[in-house]
Amino acid sequence: MDDYIDAMRRGWAALDPELSTASGDTLGRMARISRIVQVQTDAILVDHGISRDEFDLLSLLVRAGGPLTPTALARALWVSASGTTKRLHKLEASGLIVRRVHPSDARAVLIEPSDTALDAIRPVLHARAVHEDAILATMSRGARIALGNTLRELLVALEGEYTGAAGSDNATQDRGEKS
């Protein structure tokens, strides 16, 4: 059974037989799967009245276990400061986050989820989990575990190349404390 990536590789092989597309085989599939899943999960988010950007920021705050600075949020989500500010304004207007003046620096703020934030995103989390389970249901449990372990190995190696990579421990450690 061929997929889009097989057709792409055949096309490149016909145009340039010397071109190695072996890595593109795997990385192309990862990118294509990621894009398909993102489009599908974006639809779930829209159905729940929240954008991906807002959901990613809010879920990071809920999981963080304490307030974060806007800089820490931007770094963890790999977005600009202005992009983070825009998301924060919308979430604050919706009552899903709270800004507090930093206790040791009145010029700085700390961001934390409101008391209703977890309840607001819980249905979205459940809907996404059901959808993601359905996607992977086509694979055996062993294949899912093997794929997860292999992807973890690659992600850890790639994240190690970037300071403050999304998902890394140091990305969420900046709670605005002064050293």
N, C-alpha and C. Protein backbone atom coordinates (compact mmCIF):
# COMPACT_ATOMS: atom_id res chain seq x y z
N MET A 1 0.85 -1.17 0.00
CA MET A 1 0.00 0.00 0.00
C MET A 1 0.90 1.24 0.00
N ASP A 2 0.70 2.09 -0.98
CA ASP A 2 1.48 3.32 -1.11
C ASP A 2 0.76 4.49 -0.46
N ASP A 3 1.55 5.45 -0.02
CA ASP A 3 0.98 6.68 0.51
C ASP A 3 1.59 7.86 -0.26
N TYR A 4 1.25 9.05 0.16
CA TYR A 4 1.72 10.27 -0.49
C TYR A 4 3.25 10.33 -0.52
N ILE A 5 3.89 9.92 0.56
CA ILE A 5 5.35 10.00 0.66
C ILE A 5 6.00 9.04 -0.34
N ASP A 6 5.44 7.84 -0.52
CA ASP A 6 5.96 6.92 -1.53
C ASP A 6 5.92 7.56 -2.91
N ALA A 7 4.79 8.18 -3.25
CA ALA A 7 4.64 8.83 -4.55
C ALA A 7 5.65 9.98 -4.69
N MET A 8 5.84 10.74 -3.62
CA MET A 8 6.79 11.85 -3.65
C MET A 8 8.21 11.32 -3.91
N ARG A 9 8.59 10.27 -3.22
CA ARG A 9 9.94 9.71 -3.38
C ARG A 9 10.14 9.17 -4.79
N ARG A 10 9.12 8.52 -5.33
CA ARG A 10 9.23 8.03 -6.71
C ARG A 10 9.42 9.20 -7.67
N GLY A 11 8.69 10.26 -7.44
CA GLY A 11 8.82 11.45 -8.28
C GLY A 11 10.23 12.03 -8.25
N TRP A 12 10.79 12.16 -7.05
CA TRP A 12 12.15 12.68 -6.92
C TRP A 12 13.17 11.71 -7.50
N ALA A 13 12.94 10.43 -7.34
CA ALA A 13 13.87 9.43 -7.90
C ALA A 13 13.89 9.52 -9.42
N ALA A 14 12.75 9.78 -10.04
CA ALA A 14 12.70 9.92 -11.49
C ALA A 14 13.41 11.19 -11.95
N LEU A 15 13.29 12.25 -11.18
CA LEU A 15 13.92 13.52 -11.55
C LEU A 15 15.41 13.56 -11.23
N ASP A 16 15.80 12.92 -10.13
CA ASP A 16 17.21 12.96 -9.69
C ASP A 16 17.53 11.67 -8.97
N PRO A 17 17.96 10.64 -9.70
CA PRO A 17 18.23 9.34 -9.09
C PRO A 17 19.32 9.37 -8.01
N GLU A 18 20.15 10.39 -8.01
CA GLU A 18 21.23 10.50 -7.02
C GLU A 18 20.75 11.09 -5.69
N LEU A 19 19.59 11.69 -5.69
CA LEU A 19 19.06 12.34 -4.49
C LEU A 19 18.60 11.29 -3.48
N SER A 20 19.15 11.37 -2.28
CA SER A 20 18.73 10.46 -1.21
C SER A 20 17.51 11.05 -0.50
N THR A 21 16.42 10.32 -0.54
CA THR A 21 15.21 10.77 0.15
C THR A 21 14.84 9.83 1.29
N ALA A 22 15.80 9.02 1.72
CA ALA A 22 15.52 8.03 2.77
C ALA A 22 15.05 8.70 4.07
N SER A 23 15.73 9.75 4.49
CA SER A 23 15.30 10.44 5.72
C SER A 23 13.96 11.13 5.52
N GLY A 24 13.73 11.62 4.31
CA GLY A 24 12.46 12.25 4.00
C GLY A 24 11.30 11.28 4.09
N ASP A 25 11.61 10.00 3.92
CA ASP A 25 10.60 8.96 4.05
C ASP A 25 9.97 9.02 5.45
N THR A 26 10.81 9.02 6.45
CA THR A 26 10.33 9.05 7.84
C THR A 26 9.86 10.44 8.25
N LEU A 27 10.70 11.44 8.02
CA LEU A 27 10.35 12.79 8.45
C LEU A 27 9.14 13.33 7.69
N GLY A 28 9.02 12.98 6.43
CA GLY A 28 7.86 13.41 5.65
C GLY A 28 6.58 12.81 6.19
N ARG A 29 6.63 11.54 6.55
CA ARG A 29 5.44 10.92 7.14
C ARG A 29 5.10 11.55 8.49
N MET A 30 6.13 11.82 9.30
CA MET A 30 5.87 12.46 10.59
C MET A 30 5.21 13.81 10.39
N ALA A 31 5.72 14.60 9.45
CA ALA A 31 5.16 15.93 9.19
C ALA A 31 3.74 15.84 8.65
N ARG A 32 3.52 14.91 7.76
CA ARG A 32 2.18 14.78 7.16
C ARG A 32 1.16 14.30 8.20
N ILE A 33 1.54 13.32 8.99
CA ILE A 33 0.66 12.84 10.06
C ILE A 33 0.37 13.98 11.04
N SER A 34 1.40 14.72 11.40
CA SER A 34 1.23 15.84 12.33
C SER A 34 0.23 16.86 11.77
N ARG A 35 0.36 17.16 10.50
CA ARG A 35 -0.54 18.15 9.90
C ARG A 35 -1.98 17.65 9.86
N ILE A 36 -2.16 16.38 9.48
CA ILE A 36 -3.52 15.81 9.43
C ILE A 36 -4.15 15.82 10.81
N VAL A 37 -3.40 15.38 11.82
CA VAL A 37 -3.93 15.34 13.19
C VAL A 37 -4.20 16.76 13.69
N GLN A 38 -3.34 17.71 13.33
CA GLN A 38 -3.57 19.09 13.76
C GLN A 38 -4.86 19.65 13.17
N VAL A 39 -5.11 19.40 11.90
CA VAL A 39 -6.35 19.87 11.28
C VAL A 39 -7.56 19.24 11.99
N GLN A 40 -7.46 17.95 12.26
CA GLN A 40 -8.58 17.26 12.93
C GLN A 40 -8.79 17.79 14.34
N THR A 41 -7.72 17.96 15.10
CA THR A 41 -7.88 18.43 16.48
C THR A 41 -8.24 19.92 16.53
N ASP A 42 -7.83 20.69 15.53
CA ASP A 42 -8.27 22.08 15.47
C ASP A 42 -9.79 22.15 15.38
N ALA A 43 -10.38 21.22 14.63
CA ALA A 43 -11.84 21.19 14.50
C ALA A 43 -12.49 20.90 15.86
N ILE A 44 -11.87 20.02 16.63
CA ILE A 44 -12.38 19.73 17.98
C ILE A 44 -12.30 20.98 18.85
N LEU A 45 -11.19 21.68 18.77
CA LEU A 45 -11.02 22.90 19.57
C LEU A 45 -12.06 23.95 19.17
N VAL A 46 -12.26 24.14 17.88
CA VAL A 46 -13.25 25.11 17.40
C VAL A 46 -14.64 24.74 17.92
N ASP A 47 -14.95 23.45 17.90
CA ASP A 47 -16.25 23.00 18.42
C ASP A 47 -16.42 23.36 19.90
N HIS A 48 -15.30 23.50 20.61
CA HIS A 48 -15.35 23.86 22.03
C HIS A 48 -15.08 25.34 22.27
N GLY A 49 -14.99 26.12 21.20
CA GLY A 49 -14.88 27.57 21.33
C GLY A 49 -13.52 28.07 21.76
N ILE A 50 -12.45 27.34 21.44
CA ILE A 50 -11.11 27.77 21.82
C ILE A 50 -10.16 27.50 20.65
N SER A 51 -9.20 28.39 20.46
CA SER A 51 -8.22 28.19 19.39
C SER A 51 -7.08 27.31 19.90
N ARG A 52 -6.31 26.77 18.98
CA ARG A 52 -5.15 25.96 19.36
C ARG A 52 -4.19 26.79 20.20
N ASP A 53 -3.92 28.00 19.78
CA ASP A 53 -2.98 28.86 20.52
C ASP A 53 -3.44 29.09 21.95
N GLU A 54 -4.71 29.37 22.13
CA GLU A 54 -5.26 29.60 23.47
C GLU A 54 -5.23 28.31 24.28
N PHE A 55 -5.61 27.21 23.65
CA PHE A 55 -5.62 25.92 24.34
C PHE A 55 -4.21 25.53 24.79
N ASP A 56 -3.23 25.69 23.90
CA ASP A 56 -1.85 25.32 24.25
C ASP A 56 -1.35 26.14 25.44
N LEU A 57 -1.63 27.44 25.43
CA LEU A 57 -1.19 28.30 26.53
C LEU A 57 -1.91 27.95 27.82
N LEU A 58 -3.22 27.80 27.73
CA LEU A 58 -4.01 27.51 28.94
C LEU A 58 -3.66 26.15 29.52
N SER A 59 -3.48 25.15 28.67
CA SER A 59 -3.15 23.82 29.20
C SER A 59 -1.75 23.81 29.81
N LEU A 60 -0.82 24.59 29.26
CA LEU A 60 0.51 24.72 29.87
C LEU A 60 0.39 25.32 31.26
N LEU A 61 -0.39 26.37 31.39
CA LEU A 61 -0.57 27.01 32.69
C LEU A 61 -1.22 26.06 33.70
N VAL A 62 -2.22 25.33 33.28
CA VAL A 62 -2.91 24.41 34.19
C VAL A 62 -1.96 23.32 34.66
N ARG A 63 -1.12 22.79 33.76
CA ARG A 63 -0.19 21.72 34.12
C ARG A 63 1.01 22.22 34.92
N ALA A 64 1.34 23.49 34.83
CA ALA A 64 2.58 24.02 35.41
C ALA A 64 2.64 23.90 36.93
N GLY A 65 1.52 23.94 37.58
CA GLY A 65 1.52 23.82 39.03
C GLY A 65 1.86 25.10 39.77
N GLY A 66 1.93 26.19 39.07
CA GLY A 66 2.22 27.48 39.69
C GLY A 66 2.27 28.55 38.62
N PRO A 67 2.32 29.80 39.03
CA PRO A 67 2.31 30.88 38.04
C PRO A 67 3.60 30.90 37.21
N LEU A 68 3.47 31.40 35.98
CA LEU A 68 4.61 31.54 35.07
C LEU A 68 4.69 32.96 34.57
N THR A 69 5.85 33.36 34.17
CA THR A 69 6.01 34.68 33.55
C THR A 69 5.60 34.59 32.08
N PRO A 70 5.22 35.72 31.50
CA PRO A 70 4.94 35.71 30.06
C PRO A 70 6.14 35.22 29.23
N THR A 71 7.35 35.55 29.67
CA THR A 71 8.55 35.10 28.97
C THR A 71 8.66 33.58 29.00
N ALA A 72 8.39 32.98 30.14
CA ALA A 72 8.45 31.51 30.24
C ALA A 72 7.40 30.88 29.34
N LEU A 73 6.21 31.47 29.28
CA LEU A 73 5.16 30.95 28.41
C LEU A 73 5.57 31.03 26.95
N ALA A 74 6.10 32.18 26.55
CA ALA A 74 6.53 32.35 25.15
C ALA A 74 7.61 31.35 24.79
N ARG A 75 8.56 31.18 25.68
CA ARG A 75 9.67 30.24 25.44
C ARG A 75 9.16 28.80 25.32
N ALA A 76 8.30 28.41 26.22
CA ALA A 76 7.79 27.04 26.23
C ALA A 76 6.94 26.73 25.00
N LEU A 77 6.23 27.74 24.51
CA LEU A 77 5.34 27.53 23.37
C LEU A 77 5.98 27.91 22.04
N TRP A 78 7.19 28.40 22.09
CA TRP A 78 7.93 28.82 20.89
C TRP A 78 7.17 29.87 20.11
N VAL A 79 6.68 30.87 20.81
CA VAL A 79 5.99 31.97 20.16
C VAL A 79 6.62 33.29 20.60
N SER A 80 6.35 34.33 19.85
CA SER A 80 6.90 35.64 20.17
C SER A 80 6.24 36.22 21.42
N ALA A 81 6.89 37.21 21.99
CA ALA A 81 6.32 37.90 23.16
C ALA A 81 4.99 38.55 22.79
N SER A 82 4.94 39.16 21.60
CA SER A 82 3.69 39.82 21.19
C SER A 82 2.58 38.79 20.95
N GLY A 83 2.93 37.63 20.40
CA GLY A 83 1.94 36.58 20.21
C GLY A 83 1.41 36.06 21.54
N THR A 84 2.30 35.96 22.51
CA THR A 84 1.89 35.52 23.85
C THR A 84 0.97 36.56 24.48
N THR A 85 1.33 37.81 24.36
CA THR A 85 0.51 38.89 24.92
C THR A 85 -0.90 38.87 24.34
N LYS A 86 -1.00 38.67 23.04
CA LYS A 86 -2.32 38.62 22.39
C LYS A 86 -3.15 37.48 22.96
N ARG A 87 -2.55 36.31 23.13
CA ARG A 87 -3.27 35.16 23.68
C ARG A 87 -3.68 35.43 25.12
N LEU A 88 -2.77 36.03 25.89
CA LEU A 88 -3.07 36.32 27.29
C LEU A 88 -4.24 37.29 27.42
N HIS A 89 -4.28 38.31 26.58
CA HIS A 89 -5.40 39.27 26.62
C HIS A 89 -6.73 38.56 26.39
N LYS A 90 -6.77 37.68 25.40
CA LYS A 90 -8.02 36.97 25.08
C LYS A 90 -8.43 36.04 26.22
N LEU A 91 -7.46 35.30 26.77
CA LEU A 91 -7.78 34.38 27.87
C LEU A 91 -8.18 35.14 29.13
N GLU A 92 -7.56 36.29 29.36
CA GLU A 92 -7.93 37.10 30.52
C GLU A 92 -9.35 37.66 30.35
N ALA A 93 -9.67 38.11 29.15
CA ALA A 93 -11.02 38.63 28.89
C ALA A 93 -12.07 37.53 29.05
N SER A 94 -11.68 36.30 28.79
CA SER A 94 -12.59 35.16 28.95
C SER A 94 -12.66 34.66 30.39
N GLY A 95 -11.84 35.25 31.27
CA GLY A 95 -11.84 34.85 32.67
C GLY A 95 -11.10 33.55 32.94
N LEU A 96 -10.22 33.14 32.02
CA LEU A 96 -9.54 31.85 32.17
C LEU A 96 -8.14 31.96 32.76
N ILE A 97 -7.59 33.18 32.79
CA ILE A 97 -6.29 33.39 33.44
C ILE A 97 -6.37 34.60 34.35
N VAL A 98 -5.40 34.68 35.25
CA VAL A 98 -5.29 35.81 36.17
C VAL A 98 -3.85 36.32 36.09
N ARG A 99 -3.72 37.64 35.98
CA ARG A 99 -2.40 38.27 36.03
C ARG A 99 -2.21 38.82 37.43
N ARG A 100 -1.04 38.57 37.98
CA ARG A 100 -0.72 39.10 39.30
C ARG A 100 0.62 39.82 39.23
N VAL A 101 0.73 40.88 39.98
CA VAL A 101 2.00 41.59 40.06
C VAL A 101 3.01 40.68 40.75
N HIS A 102 4.20 40.62 40.21
CA HIS A 102 5.25 39.80 40.81
C HIS A 102 5.55 40.33 42.21
N PRO A 103 5.62 39.47 43.21
CA PRO A 103 5.79 39.93 44.59
C PRO A 103 7.11 40.65 44.86
N SER A 104 8.15 40.36 44.09
CA SER A 104 9.43 41.01 44.36
C SER A 104 9.84 42.00 43.27
N ASP A 105 9.00 42.19 42.25
CA ASP A 105 9.31 43.14 41.18
C ASP A 105 7.99 43.65 40.61
N ALA A 106 7.59 44.83 41.03
CA ALA A 106 6.29 45.37 40.64
C ALA A 106 6.18 45.63 39.14
N ARG A 107 7.32 45.61 38.43
CA ARG A 107 7.28 45.81 36.98
C ARG A 107 6.92 44.52 36.24
N ALA A 108 7.02 43.39 36.91
CA ALA A 108 6.80 42.09 36.27
C ALA A 108 5.44 41.52 36.68
N VAL A 109 4.93 40.61 35.85
CA VAL A 109 3.68 39.94 36.17
C VAL A 109 3.88 38.44 36.15
N LEU A 110 3.03 37.77 36.87
CA LEU A 110 2.95 36.32 36.85
C LEU A 110 1.56 35.95 36.34
N ILE A 111 1.50 34.90 35.55
CA ILE A 111 0.24 34.45 34.96
C ILE A 111 -0.11 33.10 35.56
N GLU A 112 -1.37 32.96 35.93
CA GLU A 112 -1.83 31.67 36.44
C GLU A 112 -3.24 31.41 35.93
N PRO A 113 -3.62 30.14 35.89
CA PRO A 113 -4.99 29.83 35.45
C PRO A 113 -5.99 30.30 36.49
N SER A 114 -7.16 30.68 36.04
CA SER A 114 -8.22 31.05 36.98
C SER A 114 -8.78 29.77 37.61
N ASP A 115 -9.64 29.95 38.57
CA ASP A 115 -10.26 28.80 39.24
C ASP A 115 -11.12 27.97 38.29
N THR A 116 -11.57 28.57 37.19
CA THR A 116 -12.44 27.86 36.25
C THR A 116 -11.69 27.29 35.05
N ALA A 117 -10.40 27.53 34.95
CA ALA A 117 -9.64 27.14 33.76
C ALA A 117 -9.66 25.63 33.51
N LEU A 118 -9.38 24.84 34.52
CA LEU A 118 -9.35 23.40 34.33
C LEU A 118 -10.72 22.86 33.91
N ASP A 119 -11.76 23.35 34.56
CA ASP A 119 -13.11 22.92 34.18
C ASP A 119 -13.44 23.33 32.74
N ALA A 120 -12.90 24.45 32.30
CA ALA A 120 -13.16 24.92 30.94
C ALA A 120 -12.46 24.06 29.89
N ILE A 121 -11.25 23.59 30.20
CA ILE A 121 -10.54 22.80 29.17
C ILE A 121 -10.72 21.29 29.32
N ARG A 122 -11.25 20.85 30.44
CA ARG A 122 -11.42 19.41 30.65
C ARG A 122 -12.23 18.74 29.53
N PRO A 123 -13.36 19.29 29.09
CA PRO A 123 -14.10 18.64 27.99
C PRO A 123 -13.27 18.58 26.69
N VAL A 124 -12.47 19.58 26.47
CA VAL A 124 -11.61 19.61 25.28
C VAL A 124 -10.55 18.50 25.38
N LEU A 125 -9.96 18.39 26.55
CA LEU A 125 -8.95 17.34 26.77
C LEU A 125 -9.54 15.96 26.53
N HIS A 126 -10.75 15.73 27.04
CA HIS A 126 -11.39 14.42 26.87
C HIS A 126 -11.73 14.16 25.41
N ALA A 127 -12.25 15.17 24.71
CA ALA A 127 -12.60 15.00 23.30
C ALA A 127 -11.35 14.72 22.46
N ARG A 128 -10.27 15.42 22.75
CA ARG A 128 -9.01 15.18 22.02
C ARG A 128 -8.48 13.79 22.32
N ALA A 129 -8.53 13.37 23.57
CA ALA A 129 -8.02 12.04 23.94
C ALA A 129 -8.78 10.94 23.23
N VAL A 130 -10.09 11.07 23.15
CA VAL A 130 -10.91 10.08 22.45
C VAL A 130 -10.51 10.04 20.97
N HIS A 131 -10.35 11.21 20.38
CA HIS A 131 -9.96 11.28 18.96
C HIS A 131 -8.57 10.68 18.73
N GLU A 132 -7.62 11.04 19.58
CA GLU A 132 -6.26 10.53 19.43
C GLU A 132 -6.20 9.02 19.64
N ASP A 133 -6.99 8.50 20.58
CA ASP A 133 -7.07 7.04 20.77
C ASP A 133 -7.60 6.37 19.51
N ALA A 134 -8.60 6.98 18.88
CA ALA A 134 -9.18 6.41 17.66
C ALA A 134 -8.15 6.38 16.53
N ILE A 135 -7.35 7.42 16.43
CA ILE A 135 -6.31 7.46 15.39
C ILE A 135 -5.34 6.30 15.57
N LEU A 136 -4.89 6.09 16.78
CA LEU A 136 -3.87 5.06 17.03
C LEU A 136 -4.46 3.66 17.18
N ALA A 137 -5.78 3.55 17.20
CA ALA A 137 -6.42 2.24 17.33
C ALA A 137 -6.12 1.33 16.14
N THR A 138 -5.68 1.91 15.04
CA THR A 138 -5.33 1.09 13.87
C THR A 138 -4.02 0.34 14.07
N MET A 139 -3.28 0.68 15.12
CA MET A 139 -1.99 0.05 15.40
C MET A 139 -2.12 -0.88 16.61
N SER A 140 -1.30 -1.91 16.65
CA SER A 140 -1.29 -2.79 17.82
C SER A 140 -0.69 -2.03 19.00
N ARG A 141 -0.98 -2.51 20.19
CA ARG A 141 -0.44 -1.87 21.40
C ARG A 141 1.08 -1.86 21.36
N GLY A 142 1.68 -2.98 20.95
CA GLY A 142 3.13 -3.07 20.86
C GLY A 142 3.70 -2.07 19.87
N ALA A 143 3.03 -1.91 18.72
CA ALA A 143 3.50 -0.96 17.71
C ALA A 143 3.40 0.47 18.23
N ARG A 144 2.32 0.77 18.96
CA ARG A 144 2.17 2.12 19.54
C ARG A 144 3.27 2.41 20.55
N ILE A 145 3.57 1.42 21.39
CA ILE A 145 4.62 1.61 22.40
C ILE A 145 5.98 1.79 21.71
N ALA A 146 6.26 0.96 20.73
CA ALA A 146 7.53 1.05 20.01
C ALA A 146 7.66 2.40 19.31
N LEU A 147 6.59 2.83 18.65
CA LEU A 147 6.61 4.12 17.97
C LEU A 147 6.81 5.25 18.96
N GLY A 148 6.09 5.20 20.07
CA GLY A 148 6.25 6.23 21.11
C GLY A 148 7.67 6.30 21.63
N ASN A 149 8.27 5.15 21.88
CA ASN A 149 9.65 5.12 22.38
C ASN A 149 10.63 5.65 21.35
N THR A 150 10.44 5.28 20.10
CA THR A 150 11.33 5.75 19.03
C THR A 150 11.20 7.26 18.84
N LEU A 151 9.98 7.75 18.83
CA LEU A 151 9.77 9.20 18.68
C LEU A 151 10.32 9.96 19.88
N ARG A 152 10.18 9.39 21.09
CA ARG A 152 10.74 10.03 22.28
C ARG A 152 12.26 10.18 22.13
N GLU A 153 12.91 9.14 21.68
CA GLU A 153 14.37 9.17 21.49
C GLU A 153 14.77 10.30 20.53
N LEU A 154 14.07 10.42 19.43
CA LEU A 154 14.36 11.47 18.46
C LEU A 154 14.05 12.85 19.04
N LEU A 155 12.91 12.98 19.71
CA LEU A 155 12.53 14.27 20.28
C LEU A 155 13.51 14.73 21.35
N VAL A 156 13.93 13.82 22.22
CA VAL A 156 14.90 14.18 23.26
C VAL A 156 16.20 14.68 22.61
N ALA A 157 16.64 14.00 21.56
CA ALA A 157 17.86 14.44 20.88
C ALA A 157 17.68 15.82 20.25
N LEU A 158 16.55 16.06 19.62
CA LEU A 158 16.31 17.35 18.99
C LEU A 158 16.11 18.46 20.02
N GLU A 159 15.35 18.17 21.07
CA GLU A 159 15.12 19.19 22.10
C GLU A 159 16.42 19.57 22.79
N GLY A 160 17.34 18.63 22.89
CA GLY A 160 18.62 18.92 23.51
C GLY A 160 19.41 19.98 22.75
N GLU A 161 19.08 20.18 21.48
CA GLU A 161 19.76 21.19 20.67
C GLU A 161 19.24 22.59 20.92
N TYR A 162 18.10 22.71 21.60
CA TYR A 162 17.46 24.00 21.81
C TYR A 162 17.26 24.27 23.29
N THR A 163 17.65 25.44 23.73
CA THR A 163 17.40 25.83 25.11
C THR A 163 15.95 26.26 25.24
N GLY A 164 15.29 25.75 26.27
CA GLY A 164 13.90 26.14 26.49
C GLY A 164 12.95 25.50 25.50
N ALA A 165 13.29 24.32 25.01
CA ALA A 165 12.43 23.66 24.04
C ALA A 165 11.07 23.36 24.65
N ALA A 166 10.05 23.45 23.83
CA ALA A 166 8.70 23.16 24.31
C ALA A 166 8.66 21.78 24.93
N GLY A 167 8.12 21.69 26.11
CA GLY A 167 8.01 20.40 26.78
C GLY A 167 9.19 20.08 27.67
N SER A 168 10.30 20.79 27.52
CA SER A 168 11.45 20.48 28.35
C SER A 168 11.26 21.07 29.74
N ASP A 169 11.96 20.51 30.71
CA ASP A 169 11.79 20.96 32.09
C ASP A 169 12.13 22.43 32.27
N ASN A 170 13.21 22.91 31.62
CA ASN A 170 13.59 24.30 31.86
C ASN A 170 12.63 25.27 31.19
N ALA A 171 11.79 24.82 30.29
CA ALA A 171 10.85 25.73 29.64
C ALA A 171 9.80 26.24 30.61
N THR A 172 9.47 25.47 31.63
CA THR A 172 8.43 25.90 32.56
C THR A 172 8.98 26.22 33.95
N GLN A 173 10.27 26.27 34.08
CA GLN A 173 10.83 26.52 35.40
C GLN A 173 10.89 28.00 35.76
N ASP A 174 10.80 28.91 34.77
CA ASP A 174 10.89 30.33 35.05
C ASP A 174 9.57 30.80 35.64
N ARG A 175 9.53 30.90 36.93
CA ARG A 175 8.32 31.39 37.61
C ARG A 175 8.54 32.83 38.08
N GLY A 176 9.57 33.44 37.53
CA GLY A 176 9.81 34.84 37.84
C GLY A 176 10.63 35.06 39.08
N GLU A 177 11.19 34.00 39.65
CA GLU A 177 12.00 34.18 40.83
C GLU A 177 13.28 34.93 40.46
N LYS A 178 13.73 35.74 41.35
CA LYS A 178 14.99 36.46 41.15
C LYS A 178 16.11 35.63 41.73
N SER A 179 17.25 35.58 41.03
CA SER A 179 18.37 34.78 41.55
C SER A 179 19.21 35.59 42.49
